[in-house]
Amino acid sequence: MPLIASEFIWHDYTTLANGLRIPRSHVHPLLEQLELACQAGSLEEVQRILPQITPVPADIPGKALVSLQGSIRAAVEQKHHDVVRAMLQSGFLPYNLSCLAVDAAFHGGDTAMLKLFIEAGWDVNEAGPQMIMRPLLRHAVNLPDLRAFLLAHGASPNTENQRRLTPLETAVQWSGTDVVRDLLDHGGDPAKDDSLVAAAEVGNIDVADLLVSRGADVNALEKELPHPWGQRERRTALEVALERNHQDMAVWLRRHGATARNNT
């Protein structure tokens, strides 16, 4: 019978020299054994433990959750592919369990490990509130191998993070024209985000020209941002160019039909 949520943490006391008893808690020994097995790459030991702790309860105590996150991350960092596969097959795919492991694979440039997650059902466009480092593509725009891998496996250049920023917008501000073109060639749509506004902000006319040729609206207002980032006046690309004193960009935008307005 697998552990229930309350059993993942054990409680006892430490007795001081003066007789005072101090309560303490620690994870179930099975979790300690799992972490050691993951570090060592002992598939047999991991397979012995998993049926005793899975499915992982939704209300698992935080201390135990941190231990499980650390176990699968350790297996990823040590490149124990069979161990990671077994854990994913046993329910370690949800973000609350796999987040640090996916980050570790990404930071290690381990596309083979990322492919294991994808094959297990991981959403390459995973994103949402409290999902730090998601979507991954936004952090890979200047990492050619990882960018190519993620795009080849369905990553969308228009997936928004918790601040509503997209990989395409990020590339416009921080990458070269070739990277922006690559994202556009893989489904990026400048009519669906603030890419042109981003180009106006950095004064990059070459990128702006590319975005307009792919459908960007020169008079579009910035998207509404969620709280607490939404307290601002929505602007057009032209207004941003003028604010930043990018006069050449402002002239270029006007030549392409931009008009000064702000319909907030």
C-alpha atoms as a PDB file:
ATOM      1  CA  MET A   1       0.000   0.000   0.000  1.00  0.00           C
ATOM      2  CA  PRO A   2       1.573   3.342  -1.068  1.00  0.00           C
ATOM      3  CA  LEU A   3       2.205   6.051   1.491  1.00  0.00           C
ATOM      4  CA  ILE A   4      -0.549   8.552   2.176  1.00  0.00           C
ATOM      5  CA  ALA A   5       0.267  12.261   2.419  1.00  0.00           C
ATOM      6  CA  SER A   6       0.667  12.351   6.202  1.00  0.00           C
ATOM      7  CA  GLU A   7       3.135   9.457   6.130  1.00  0.00           C
ATOM      8  CA  PHE A   8       5.670  11.236   3.924  1.00  0.00           C
ATOM      9  CA  ILE A   9       6.888  13.179   6.976  1.00  0.00           C
ATOM     10  CA  TRP A  10       7.918  11.642  10.289  1.00  0.00           C
ATOM     11  CA  HIS A  11       7.756  13.601  13.542  1.00  0.00           C
ATOM     12  CA  ASP A  12       9.766  13.015  16.700  1.00  0.00           C
ATOM     13  CA  TYR A  13      11.656  14.922  19.380  1.00  0.00           C
ATOM     14  CA  THR A  14      15.195  15.842  20.308  1.00  0.00           C
ATOM     15  CA  THR A  15      15.811  15.961  24.045  1.00  0.00           C
ATOM     16  CA  LEU A  16      18.254  18.605  25.275  1.00  0.00           C
ATOM     17  CA  ALA A  17      20.579  18.214  28.252  1.00  0.00           C
ATOM     18  CA  ASN A  18      18.146  20.164  30.430  1.00  0.00           C
ATOM     19  CA  GLY A  19      15.374  17.754  29.549  1.00  0.00           C
ATOM     20  CA  LEU A  20      13.574  20.081  27.147  1.00  0.00           C
ATOM     21  CA  ARG A  21      12.070  18.226  24.188  1.00  0.00           C
ATOM     22  CA  ILE A  22      12.321  19.966  20.820  1.00  0.00           C
ATOM     23  CA  PRO A  23       9.992  18.715  18.069  1.00  0.00           C
ATOM     24  CA  ARG A  24      11.550  17.932  14.708  1.00  0.00           C
ATOM     25  CA  SER A  25      10.427  16.460  11.412  1.00  0.00           C
ATOM     26  CA  HIS A  26      12.127  14.595   8.605  1.00  0.00           C
ATOM     27  CA  VAL A  27      11.092  12.869   5.418  1.00  0.00           C
ATOM     28  CA  HIS A  28      10.151   9.200   5.373  1.00  0.00           C
ATOM     29  CA  PRO A  29      13.210   6.925   5.027  1.00  0.00           C
ATOM     30  CA  LEU A  30      11.948   5.781   1.626  1.00  0.00           C
ATOM     31  CA  LEU A  31      12.457   9.304   0.283  1.00  0.00           C
ATOM     32  CA  GLU A  32      15.992   9.404   1.632  1.00  0.00           C
ATOM     33  CA  GLN A  33      16.655   6.035   0.003  1.00  0.00           C
ATOM     34  CA  LEU A  34      15.182   7.274  -3.286  1.00  0.00           C
ATOM     35  CA  GLU A  35      17.483  10.280  -3.402  1.00  0.00           C
ATOM     36  CA  LEU A  36      20.543   8.108  -2.832  1.00  0.00           C
ATOM     37  CA  ALA A  37      19.397   5.655  -5.509  1.00  0.00           C
ATOM     38  CA  CYS A  38      18.816   8.491  -7.986  1.00  0.00           C
ATOM     39  CA  GLN A  39      22.275   9.903  -7.383  1.00  0.00           C
ATOM     40  CA  ALA A  40      23.847   6.475  -7.806  1.00  0.00           C
ATOM     41  CA  GLY A  41      21.738   5.528 -10.817  1.00  0.00           C
ATOM     42  CA  SER A  42      20.440   2.350  -9.176  1.00  0.00           C
ATOM     43  CA  LEU A  43      17.428   1.542 -11.346  1.00  0.00           C
ATOM     44  CA  GLU A  44      16.623  -1.604  -9.385  1.00  0.00           C
ATOM     45  CA  GLU A  45      16.505   0.301  -6.100  1.00  0.00           C
ATOM     46  CA  VAL A  46      14.421   3.096  -7.622  1.00  0.00           C
ATOM     47  CA  GLN A  47      11.961   0.566  -9.011  1.00  0.00           C
ATOM     48  CA  ARG A  48      11.710  -1.032  -5.568  1.00  0.00           C
ATOM     49  CA  ILE A  49      10.842   2.282  -3.931  1.00  0.00           C
ATOM     50  CA  LEU A  50       8.486   3.847  -6.484  1.00  0.00           C
ATOM     51  CA  PRO A  51       5.489   1.515  -5.920  1.00  0.00           C
ATOM     52  CA  GLN A  52       5.657   2.370  -2.218  1.00  0.00           C
ATOM     53  CA  ILE A  53       5.381   6.142  -2.711  1.00  0.00           C
ATOM     54  CA  THR A  54       3.345   6.545  -5.901  1.00  0.00           C
ATOM     55  CA  PRO A  55       0.979   7.878  -6.954  1.00  0.00           C
ATOM     56  CA  VAL A  56       2.272  10.942  -5.140  1.00  0.00           C
ATOM     57  CA  PRO A  57      -0.625  12.548  -3.210  1.00  0.00           C
ATOM     58  CA  ALA A  58      -1.691  16.008  -4.342  1.00  0.00           C
ATOM     59  CA  ASP A  59      -1.478  17.258  -0.745  1.00  0.00           C
ATOM     60  CA  ILE A  60       2.020  15.939  -0.076  1.00  0.00           C
ATOM     61  CA  PRO A  61       3.809  18.048   2.596  1.00  0.00           C
ATOM     62  CA  GLY A  62       6.205  20.648   1.237  1.00  0.00           C
ATOM     63  CA  LYS A  63       9.296  19.131   2.812  1.00  0.00           C
ATOM     64  CA  ALA A  64       8.573  15.797   1.146  1.00  0.00           C
ATOM     65  CA  LEU A  65       7.840  17.486  -2.179  1.00  0.00           C
ATOM     66  CA  VAL A  66      11.228  19.212  -2.102  1.00  0.00           C
ATOM     67  CA  SER A  67      12.866  15.842  -1.476  1.00  0.00           C
ATOM     68  CA  LEU A  68      11.139  14.259  -4.483  1.00  0.00           C
ATOM     69  CA  GLN A  69      12.031  17.233  -6.691  1.00  0.00           C
ATOM     70  CA  GLY A  70      15.636  16.832  -5.652  1.00  0.00           C
ATOM     71  CA  SER A  71      15.640  13.120  -6.399  1.00  0.00           C
ATOM     72  CA  ILE A  72      14.564  13.366 -10.030  1.00  0.00           C
ATOM     73  CA  ARG A  73      16.793  16.411 -10.529  1.00  0.00           C
ATOM     74  CA  ALA A  74      19.754  14.389  -9.231  1.00  0.00           C
ATOM     75  CA  ALA A  75      18.984  11.626 -11.713  1.00  0.00           C
ATOM     76  CA  VAL A  76      18.883  14.187 -14.528  1.00  0.00           C
ATOM     77  CA  GLU A  77      22.135  15.847 -13.486  1.00  0.00           C
ATOM     78  CA  GLN A  78      23.876  12.471 -13.307  1.00  0.00           C
ATOM     79  CA  LYS A  79      22.399  11.534 -16.713  1.00  0.00           C
ATOM     80  CA  HIS A  80      20.722   8.375 -15.418  1.00  0.00           C
ATOM     81  CA  HIS A  81      18.242   8.134 -18.291  1.00  0.00           C
ATOM     82  CA  ASP A  82      16.697   4.806 -17.245  1.00  0.00           C
ATOM     83  CA  VAL A  83      16.039   6.120 -13.749  1.00  0.00           C
ATOM     84  CA  VAL A  84      14.439   9.308 -15.063  1.00  0.00           C
ATOM     85  CA  ARG A  85      12.272   7.310 -17.466  1.00  0.00           C
ATOM     86  CA  ALA A  86      11.072   5.060 -14.640  1.00  0.00           C
ATOM     87  CA  MET A  87      10.205   8.053 -12.472  1.00  0.00           C
ATOM     88  CA  LEU A  88       8.312   9.796 -15.257  1.00  0.00           C
ATOM     89  CA  GLN A  89       6.357   6.618 -15.921  1.00  0.00           C
ATOM     90  CA  SER A  90       5.479   6.534 -12.215  1.00  0.00           C
ATOM     91  CA  GLY A  91       3.939  10.002 -12.117  1.00  0.00           C
ATOM     92  CA  PHE A  92       6.805  12.470 -11.731  1.00  0.00           C
ATOM     93  CA  LEU A  93       5.816  14.467 -14.843  1.00  0.00           C
ATOM     94  CA  PRO A  94       3.621  17.229 -13.293  1.00  0.00           C
ATOM     95  CA  TYR A  95       5.308  20.613 -12.931  1.00  0.00           C
ATOM     96  CA  ASN A  96       5.406  20.535  -9.124  1.00  0.00           C
ATOM     97  CA  LEU A  97       7.579  17.405  -9.285  1.00  0.00           C
ATOM     98  CA  SER A  98       9.511  17.840 -12.542  1.00  0.00           C
ATOM     99  CA  CYS A  99      10.213  21.600 -12.621  1.00  0.00           C
ATOM    100  CA  LEU A 100      13.763  21.465 -11.254  1.00  0.00           C
ATOM    101  CA  ALA A 101      14.611  18.386 -13.305  1.00  0.00           C
ATOM    102  CA  VAL A 102      13.539  20.050 -16.558  1.00  0.00           C
ATOM    103  CA  ASP A 103      15.543  23.138 -15.595  1.00  0.00           C
ATOM    104  CA  ALA A 104      18.590  20.955 -14.924  1.00  0.00           C
ATOM    105  CA  ALA A 105      18.310  19.260 -18.319  1.00  0.00           C
ATOM    106  CA  PHE A 106      17.950  22.654 -19.999  1.00  0.00           C
ATOM    107  CA  HIS A 107      20.886  24.267 -18.208  1.00  0.00           C
ATOM    108  CA  GLY A 108      22.988  21.218 -19.015  1.00  0.00           C
ATOM    109  CA  GLY A 109      22.046  21.417 -22.698  1.00  0.00           C
ATOM    110  CA  ASP A 110      20.887  17.799 -22.419  1.00  0.00           C
ATOM    111  CA  THR A 111      18.437  17.451 -25.308  1.00  0.00           C
ATOM    112  CA  ALA A 112      18.388  13.660 -24.932  1.00  0.00           C
ATOM    113  CA  MET A 113      17.061  14.099 -21.403  1.00  0.00           C
ATOM    114  CA  LEU A 114      14.540  16.715 -22.515  1.00  0.00           C
ATOM    115  CA  LYS A 115      13.361  14.258 -25.149  1.00  0.00           C
ATOM    116  CA  LEU A 116      12.616  11.743 -22.378  1.00  0.00           C
ATOM    117  CA  PHE A 117      10.295  14.285 -20.781  1.00  0.00           C
ATOM    118  CA  ILE A 118       8.614  15.009 -24.113  1.00  0.00           C
ATOM    119  CA  GLU A 119       8.125  11.300 -24.806  1.00  0.00           C
ATOM    120  CA  ALA A 120       6.532  10.968 -21.366  1.00  0.00           C
ATOM    121  CA  GLY A 121       4.016  13.688 -22.253  1.00  0.00           C
ATOM    122  CA  TRP A 122       5.718  16.872 -21.084  1.00  0.00           C
ATOM    123  CA  ASP A 123       4.314  19.979 -22.795  1.00  0.00           C
ATOM    124  CA  VAL A 124       7.186  21.852 -24.416  1.00  0.00           C
ATOM    125  CA  ASN A 125       5.005  25.001 -24.226  1.00  0.00           C
ATOM    126  CA  GLU A 126       4.383  24.587 -20.498  1.00  0.00           C
ATOM    127  CA  ALA A 127       3.769  28.016 -18.964  1.00  0.00           C
ATOM    128  CA  GLY A 128       1.604  29.684 -16.381  1.00  0.00           C
ATOM    129  CA  PRO A 129       1.458  31.514 -13.044  1.00  0.00           C
ATOM    130  CA  GLN A 130       4.399  30.706 -10.773  1.00  0.00           C
ATOM    131  CA  MET A 131       6.077  28.706 -13.546  1.00  0.00           C
ATOM    132  CA  ILE A 132       9.558  30.215 -13.401  1.00  0.00           C
ATOM    133  CA  MET A 133      11.743  29.559 -16.483  1.00  0.00           C
ATOM    134  CA  ARG A 134       8.704  28.790 -18.646  1.00  0.00           C
ATOM    135  CA  PRO A 135       8.285  28.637 -21.542  1.00  0.00           C
ATOM    136  CA  LEU A 136      11.758  27.212 -22.049  1.00  0.00           C
ATOM    137  CA  LEU A 137      12.014  28.574 -25.599  1.00  0.00           C
ATOM    138  CA  ARG A 138      12.147  32.122 -24.260  1.00  0.00           C
ATOM    139  CA  HIS A 139      15.396  31.239 -22.473  1.00  0.00           C
ATOM    140  CA  ALA A 140      16.812  29.405 -25.495  1.00  0.00           C
ATOM    141  CA  VAL A 141      16.561  32.082 -28.174  1.00  0.00           C
ATOM    142  CA  ASN A 142      20.333  32.664 -28.120  1.00  0.00           C
ATOM    143  CA  LEU A 143      21.243  28.994 -27.598  1.00  0.00           C
ATOM    144  CA  PRO A 144      21.168  27.582 -31.154  1.00  0.00           C
ATOM    145  CA  ASP A 145      21.099  23.866 -30.326  1.00  0.00           C
ATOM    146  CA  LEU A 146      18.434  24.135 -27.643  1.00  0.00           C
ATOM    147  CA  ARG A 147      16.398  26.566 -29.732  1.00  0.00           C
ATOM    148  CA  ALA A 148      16.473  24.206 -32.713  1.00  0.00           C
ATOM    149  CA  PHE A 149      15.548  21.239 -30.522  1.00  0.00           C
ATOM    150  CA  LEU A 150      12.606  22.978 -28.883  1.00  0.00           C
ATOM    151  CA  LEU A 151      11.285  24.369 -32.167  1.00  0.00           C
ATOM    152  CA  ALA A 152      11.578  20.926 -33.774  1.00  0.00           C
ATOM    153  CA  HIS A 153       9.462  19.519 -30.944  1.00  0.00           C
ATOM    154  CA  GLY A 154       6.652  22.043 -31.222  1.00  0.00           C
ATOM    155  CA  ALA A 155       7.728  25.003 -29.118  1.00  0.00           C
ATOM    156  CA  SER A 156       5.711  28.091 -30.043  1.00  0.00           C
ATOM    157  CA  PRO A 157       7.452  31.479 -30.387  1.00  0.00           C
ATOM    158  CA  ASN A 158       4.203  33.106 -29.218  1.00  0.00           C
ATOM    159  CA  THR A 159       3.729  31.260 -25.907  1.00  0.00           C
ATOM    160  CA  GLU A 160       3.496  33.825 -23.109  1.00  0.00           C
ATOM    161  CA  ASN A 161       5.169  33.588 -19.724  1.00  0.00           C
ATOM    162  CA  GLN A 162       3.520  34.770 -16.510  1.00  0.00           C
ATOM    163  CA  ARG A 163       4.265  38.382 -17.514  1.00  0.00           C
ATOM    164  CA  ARG A 164       2.820  37.776 -21.014  1.00  0.00           C
ATOM    165  CA  LEU A 165       6.261  38.063 -22.641  1.00  0.00           C
ATOM    166  CA  THR A 166       6.913  35.754 -25.603  1.00  0.00           C
ATOM    167  CA  PRO A 167      10.045  34.124 -27.038  1.00  0.00           C
ATOM    168  CA  LEU A 168       9.571  36.184 -30.204  1.00  0.00           C
ATOM    169  CA  GLU A 169       9.525  39.459 -28.264  1.00  0.00           C
ATOM    170  CA  THR A 170      12.602  38.343 -26.339  1.00  0.00           C
ATOM    171  CA  ALA A 171      14.471  37.551 -29.550  1.00  0.00           C
ATOM    172  CA  VAL A 172      13.558  40.922 -31.037  1.00  0.00           C
ATOM    173  CA  GLN A 173      15.145  42.689 -28.078  1.00  0.00           C
ATOM    174  CA  TRP A 174      18.146  40.473 -27.431  1.00  0.00           C
ATOM    175  CA  SER A 175      18.973  38.529 -30.605  1.00  0.00           C
ATOM    176  CA  GLY A 176      20.011  39.098 -34.184  1.00  0.00           C
ATOM    177  CA  THR A 177      17.769  39.235 -37.227  1.00  0.00           C
ATOM    178  CA  ASP A 178      18.621  35.630 -38.098  1.00  0.00           C
ATOM    179  CA  VAL A 179      17.196  34.382 -34.795  1.00  0.00           C
ATOM    180  CA  VAL A 180      14.019  36.420 -35.230  1.00  0.00           C
ATOM    181  CA  ARG A 181      13.636  35.027 -38.746  1.00  0.00           C
ATOM    182  CA  ASP A 182      14.116  31.500 -37.416  1.00  0.00           C
ATOM    183  CA  LEU A 183      11.292  31.973 -34.925  1.00  0.00           C
ATOM    184  CA  LEU A 184       9.049  33.472 -37.598  1.00  0.00           C
ATOM    185  CA  ASP A 185       9.802  30.532 -39.872  1.00  0.00           C
ATOM    186  CA  HIS A 186       8.683  28.219 -37.065  1.00  0.00           C
ATOM    187  CA  GLY A 187       5.270  29.747 -36.559  1.00  0.00           C
ATOM    188  CA  GLY A 188       6.017  33.020 -34.811  1.00  0.00           C
ATOM    189  CA  ASP A 189       3.263  35.553 -35.510  1.00  0.00           C
ATOM    190  CA  PRO A 190       4.159  39.208 -34.855  1.00  0.00           C
ATOM    191  CA  ALA A 191       0.475  40.128 -35.112  1.00  0.00           C
ATOM    192  CA  LYS A 192      -0.142  38.193 -31.885  1.00  0.00           C
ATOM    193  CA  ASP A 193       2.347  39.909 -29.592  1.00  0.00           C
ATOM    194  CA  ASP A 194       4.311  43.123 -29.081  1.00  0.00           C
ATOM    195  CA  SER A 195       7.284  42.215 -31.249  1.00  0.00           C
ATOM    196  CA  LEU A 196       7.104  45.397 -33.316  1.00  0.00           C
ATOM    197  CA  VAL A 197       6.880  47.524 -30.181  1.00  0.00           C
ATOM    198  CA  ALA A 198       9.963  45.700 -28.896  1.00  0.00           C
ATOM    199  CA  ALA A 199      11.790  46.457 -32.148  1.00  0.00           C
ATOM    200  CA  ALA A 200      10.840  50.123 -31.819  1.00  0.00           C
ATOM    201  CA  GLU A 201      12.113  50.136 -28.248  1.00  0.00           C
ATOM    202  CA  VAL A 202      15.591  49.022 -29.305  1.00  0.00           C
ATOM    203  CA  GLY A 203      15.524  50.951 -32.598  1.00  0.00           C
ATOM    204  CA  ASN A 204      16.110  47.924 -34.822  1.00  0.00           C
ATOM    205  CA  ILE A 205      14.750  48.863 -38.252  1.00  0.00           C
ATOM    206  CA  ASP A 206      15.920  45.658 -39.959  1.00  0.00           C
ATOM    207  CA  VAL A 207      13.925  43.553 -37.508  1.00  0.00           C
ATOM    208  CA  ALA A 208      10.953  45.915 -37.733  1.00  0.00           C
ATOM    209  CA  ASP A 209      10.984  45.549 -41.519  1.00  0.00           C
ATOM    210  CA  LEU A 210      11.024  41.770 -41.172  1.00  0.00           C
ATOM    211  CA  LEU A 211       8.143  41.818 -38.682  1.00  0.00           C
ATOM    212  CA  VAL A 212       5.975  44.065 -40.848  1.00  0.00           C
ATOM    213  CA  SER A 213       6.660  41.842 -43.855  1.00  0.00           C
ATOM    214  CA  ARG A 214       5.318  38.945 -41.751  1.00  0.00           C
ATOM    215  CA  GLY A 215       2.114  40.693 -40.726  1.00  0.00           C
ATOM    216  CA  ALA A 216       2.864  43.017 -37.808  1.00  0.00           C
ATOM    217  CA  ASP A 217       0.392  45.924 -37.479  1.00  0.00           C
ATOM    218  CA  VAL A 218       2.281  49.231 -37.294  1.00  0.00           C
ATOM    219  CA  ASN A 219      -0.594  50.847 -35.377  1.00  0.00           C
ATOM    220  CA  ALA A 220      -1.292  48.067 -32.885  1.00  0.00           C
ATOM    221  CA  LEU A 221      -1.441  48.974 -29.209  1.00  0.00           C
ATOM    222  CA  GLU A 222       0.569  47.056 -26.676  1.00  0.00           C
ATOM    223  CA  LYS A 223      -1.215  44.135 -25.035  1.00  0.00           C
ATOM    224  CA  GLU A 224      -2.693  44.512 -21.581  1.00  0.00           C
ATOM    225  CA  LEU A 225      -0.373  43.087 -18.959  1.00  0.00           C
ATOM    226  CA  PRO A 226      -1.511  41.230 -15.840  1.00  0.00           C
ATOM    227  CA  HIS A 227      -1.197  42.671 -12.362  1.00  0.00           C
ATOM    228  CA  PRO A 228       1.280  43.796 -11.057  1.00  0.00           C
ATOM    229  CA  TRP A 229       2.844  44.624 -14.438  1.00  0.00           C
ATOM    230  CA  GLY A 230      -0.257  46.164 -16.002  1.00  0.00           C
ATOM    231  CA  GLN A 231      -0.159  49.683 -14.563  1.00  0.00           C
ATOM    232  CA  ARG A 232       0.940  51.480 -17.694  1.00  0.00           C
ATOM    233  CA  GLU A 233      -0.430  53.408 -20.637  1.00  0.00           C
ATOM    234  CA  ARG A 234      -0.652  51.199 -23.694  1.00  0.00           C
ATOM    235  CA  ARG A 235       1.452  52.529 -26.563  1.00  0.00           C
ATOM    236  CA  THR A 236       2.023  52.035 -30.269  1.00  0.00           C
ATOM    237  CA  ALA A 237       5.382  51.252 -31.832  1.00  0.00           C
ATOM    238  CA  LEU A 238       5.617  54.856 -33.072  1.00  0.00           C
ATOM    239  CA  GLU A 239       5.038  56.267 -29.607  1.00  0.00           C
ATOM    240  CA  VAL A 240       7.700  53.987 -28.182  1.00  0.00           C
ATOM    241  CA  ALA A 241      10.188  55.009 -30.884  1.00  0.00           C
ATOM    242  CA  LEU A 242       9.581  58.685 -30.091  1.00  0.00           C
ATOM    243  CA  GLU A 243       9.886  58.079 -26.340  1.00  0.00           C
ATOM    244  CA  ARG A 244      13.250  56.396 -26.927  1.00  0.00           C
ATOM    245  CA  ASN A 245      14.332  59.121 -29.361  1.00  0.00           C
ATOM    246  CA  HIS A 246      14.822  56.617 -32.174  1.00  0.00           C
ATOM    247  CA  GLN A 247      14.099  59.184 -34.887  1.00  0.00           C
ATOM    248  CA  ASP A 248      15.091  56.942 -37.802  1.00  0.00           C
ATOM    249  CA  MET A 249      12.709  54.281 -36.515  1.00  0.00           C
ATOM    250  CA  ALA A 250       9.922  56.842 -36.157  1.00  0.00           C
ATOM    251  CA  VAL A 251      10.445  57.995 -39.749  1.00  0.00           C
ATOM    252  CA  TRP A 252      10.444  54.398 -40.960  1.00  0.00           C
ATOM    253  CA  LEU A 253       7.231  53.592 -39.079  1.00  0.00           C
ATOM    254  CA  ARG A 254       5.465  56.659 -40.494  1.00  0.00           C
ATOM    255  CA  ARG A 255       6.519  55.640 -44.002  1.00  0.00           C
ATOM    256  CA  HIS A 256       4.858  52.303 -43.344  1.00  0.00           C
ATOM    257  CA  GLY A 257       1.582  53.844 -42.208  1.00  0.00           C
ATOM    258  CA  ALA A 258       2.078  54.467 -38.498  1.00  0.00           C
ATOM    259  CA  THR A 259       0.085  57.324 -36.986  1.00  0.00           C
ATOM    260  CA  ALA A 260       0.461  58.901 -33.545  1.00  0.00           C
ATOM    261  CA  ARG A 261      -2.432  57.798 -31.358  1.00  0.00           C
ATOM    262  CA  ASN A 262      -3.111  56.174 -28.040  1.00  0.00           C
ATOM    263  CA  ASN A 263      -6.515  54.591 -27.590  1.00  0.00           C
ATOM    264  CA  THR A 264      -6.132  53.181 -24.099  1.00  0.00           C
END
